[in-house]
Amino acid sequence: MNNKKAEALMQRLVQNKISRPELEELLGSFDDPAMVSGMEESMRKHFDKVLNEYNHKIESNAQDLEIIEQNYRVHNKD
């Protein structure tokens, strides 16, 4: 199995779209150190993407909360 195939299978795995034969092929490639390295890189890219999306969402939510708090203070001055 080449690195592109391993990466494609890993992507199908994390997207929950992998078939049983594909999963068996992926699991069978764990004996090949070069393939394990490729799979690790694929998972690292996926993790970084998910983490960046999460951080962006958190930042966006924090900005929304700040706007809400500012509006509350403006409308509830004593």
C-alpha atoms as a PDB file:
ATOM      1  CA  MET A   1       0.000   0.000   0.000  1.00  0.00           C
ATOM      2  CA  ASN A   2       1.367   3.433  -0.849  1.00  0.00           C
ATOM      3  CA  ASN A   3       1.195   6.541   1.316  1.00  0.00           C
ATOM      4  CA  LYS A   4      -1.603   8.126  -0.717  1.00  0.00           C
ATOM      5  CA  LYS A   5      -3.722   4.990  -0.283  1.00  0.00           C
ATOM      6  CA  ALA A   6      -3.025   4.933   3.472  1.00  0.00           C
ATOM      7  CA  GLU A   7      -3.933   8.612   3.757  1.00  0.00           C
ATOM      8  CA  ALA A   8      -7.156   8.082   1.804  1.00  0.00           C
ATOM      9  CA  LEU A   9      -8.094   5.157   4.047  1.00  0.00           C
ATOM     10  CA  MET A  10      -7.339   7.165   7.174  1.00  0.00           C
ATOM     11  CA  GLN A  11      -9.553   9.967   5.908  1.00  0.00           C
ATOM     12  CA  ARG A  12     -12.360   7.494   5.241  1.00  0.00           C
ATOM     13  CA  LEU A  13     -11.848   6.123   8.757  1.00  0.00           C
ATOM     14  CA  VAL A  14     -12.119   9.497  10.518  1.00  0.00           C
ATOM     15  CA  GLN A  15     -15.144  10.380   8.373  1.00  0.00           C
ATOM     16  CA  ASN A  16     -16.754   7.075   9.381  1.00  0.00           C
ATOM     17  CA  LYS A  17     -17.068   6.055   5.731  1.00  0.00           C
ATOM     18  CA  ILE A  18     -14.608   3.168   5.651  1.00  0.00           C
ATOM     19  CA  SER A  19     -15.753  -0.264   4.514  1.00  0.00           C
ATOM     20  CA  ARG A  20     -14.832  -3.496   6.255  1.00  0.00           C
ATOM     21  CA  PRO A  21     -12.345  -4.544   3.520  1.00  0.00           C
ATOM     22  CA  GLU A  22     -10.763  -1.077   3.586  1.00  0.00           C
ATOM     23  CA  LEU A  23     -10.433  -1.217   7.373  1.00  0.00           C
ATOM     24  CA  GLU A  24      -8.792  -4.631   7.150  1.00  0.00           C
ATOM     25  CA  GLU A  25      -6.404  -3.287   4.508  1.00  0.00           C
ATOM     26  CA  LEU A  26      -5.573  -0.334   6.739  1.00  0.00           C
ATOM     27  CA  LEU A  27      -5.028  -2.498   9.803  1.00  0.00           C
ATOM     28  CA  GLY A  28      -2.843  -4.865   7.777  1.00  0.00           C
ATOM     29  CA  SER A  29      -0.531  -1.991   6.885  1.00  0.00           C
ATOM     30  CA  PHE A  30       0.499  -1.399  10.522  1.00  0.00           C
ATOM     31  CA  ASP A  31       3.355  -3.869   9.984  1.00  0.00           C
ATOM     32  CA  ASP A  32       5.026  -1.466   7.547  1.00  0.00           C
ATOM     33  CA  PRO A  33       6.919   1.315   9.401  1.00  0.00           C
ATOM     34  CA  ALA A  34       6.776   3.605   6.364  1.00  0.00           C
ATOM     35  CA  MET A  35       3.017   3.210   6.177  1.00  0.00           C
ATOM     36  CA  VAL A  36       2.639   3.857   9.910  1.00  0.00           C
ATOM     37  CA  SER A  37       4.580   7.065   9.430  1.00  0.00           C
ATOM     38  CA  GLY A  38       2.220   8.079   6.605  1.00  0.00           C
ATOM     39  CA  MET A  39      -0.823   7.275   8.722  1.00  0.00           C
ATOM     40  CA  GLU A  40       0.561   9.289  11.637  1.00  0.00           C
ATOM     41  CA  GLU A  41       1.046  12.266   9.349  1.00  0.00           C
ATOM     42  CA  SER A  42      -2.490  11.917   8.023  1.00  0.00           C
ATOM     43  CA  MET A  43      -3.908  11.786  11.546  1.00  0.00           C
ATOM     44  CA  ARG A  44      -1.787  14.773  12.594  1.00  0.00           C
ATOM     45  CA  LYS A  45      -3.178  16.808   9.680  1.00  0.00           C
ATOM     46  CA  HIS A  46      -6.716  15.783  10.578  1.00  0.00           C
ATOM     47  CA  PHE A  47      -6.210  16.622  14.266  1.00  0.00           C
ATOM     48  CA  ASP A  48      -4.719  20.022  13.391  1.00  0.00           C
ATOM     49  CA  LYS A  49      -7.673  20.783  11.108  1.00  0.00           C
ATOM     50  CA  VAL A  50     -10.225  19.812  13.765  1.00  0.00           C
ATOM     51  CA  LEU A  51      -8.359  21.771  16.452  1.00  0.00           C
ATOM     52  CA  ASN A  52      -8.155  24.878  14.251  1.00  0.00           C
ATOM     53  CA  GLU A  53     -11.888  24.670  13.496  1.00  0.00           C
ATOM     54  CA  TYR A  54     -12.636  24.294  17.208  1.00  0.00           C
ATOM     55  CA  ASN A  55     -10.420  27.234  18.163  1.00  0.00           C
ATOM     56  CA  HIS A  56     -12.038  29.399  15.494  1.00  0.00           C
ATOM     57  CA  LYS A  57     -15.484  28.489  16.812  1.00  0.00           C
ATOM     58  CA  ILE A  58     -14.433  29.279  20.395  1.00  0.00           C
ATOM     59  CA  GLU A  59     -13.026  32.660  19.321  1.00  0.00           C
ATOM     60  CA  SER A  60     -16.196  33.435  17.390  1.00  0.00           C
ATOM     61  CA  ASN A  61     -18.363  32.497  20.372  1.00  0.00           C
ATOM     62  CA  ALA A  62     -16.236  34.664  22.663  1.00  0.00           C
ATOM     63  CA  GLN A  63     -16.637  37.627  20.310  1.00  0.00           C
ATOM     64  CA  ASP A  64     -20.404  37.060  20.162  1.00  0.00           C
ATOM     65  CA  LEU A  65     -20.550  36.923  23.963  1.00  0.00           C
ATOM     66  CA  GLU A  66     -18.594  40.162  24.243  1.00  0.00           C
ATOM     67  CA  ILE A  67     -21.056  41.899  21.889  1.00  0.00           C
ATOM     68  CA  ILE A  68     -24.000  40.586  23.896  1.00  0.00           C
ATOM     69  CA  GLU A  69     -22.430  41.780  27.152  1.00  0.00           C
ATOM     70  CA  GLN A  70     -21.729  45.228  25.689  1.00  0.00           C
ATOM     71  CA  ASN A  71     -25.303  45.541  24.462  1.00  0.00           C
ATOM     72  CA  TYR A  72     -26.593  44.451  27.854  1.00  0.00           C
ATOM     73  CA  ARG A  73     -24.478  47.082  29.637  1.00  0.00           C
ATOM     74  CA  VAL A  74     -25.615  49.814  27.212  1.00  0.00           C
ATOM     75  CA  HIS A  75     -29.296  48.971  27.643  1.00  0.00           C
ATOM     76  CA  ASN A  76     -29.173  48.379  31.406  1.00  0.00           C
ATOM     77  CA  LYS A  77     -27.343  51.434  32.662  1.00  0.00           C
ATOM     78  CA  ASP A  78     -28.585  52.666  36.013  1.00  0.00           C
END
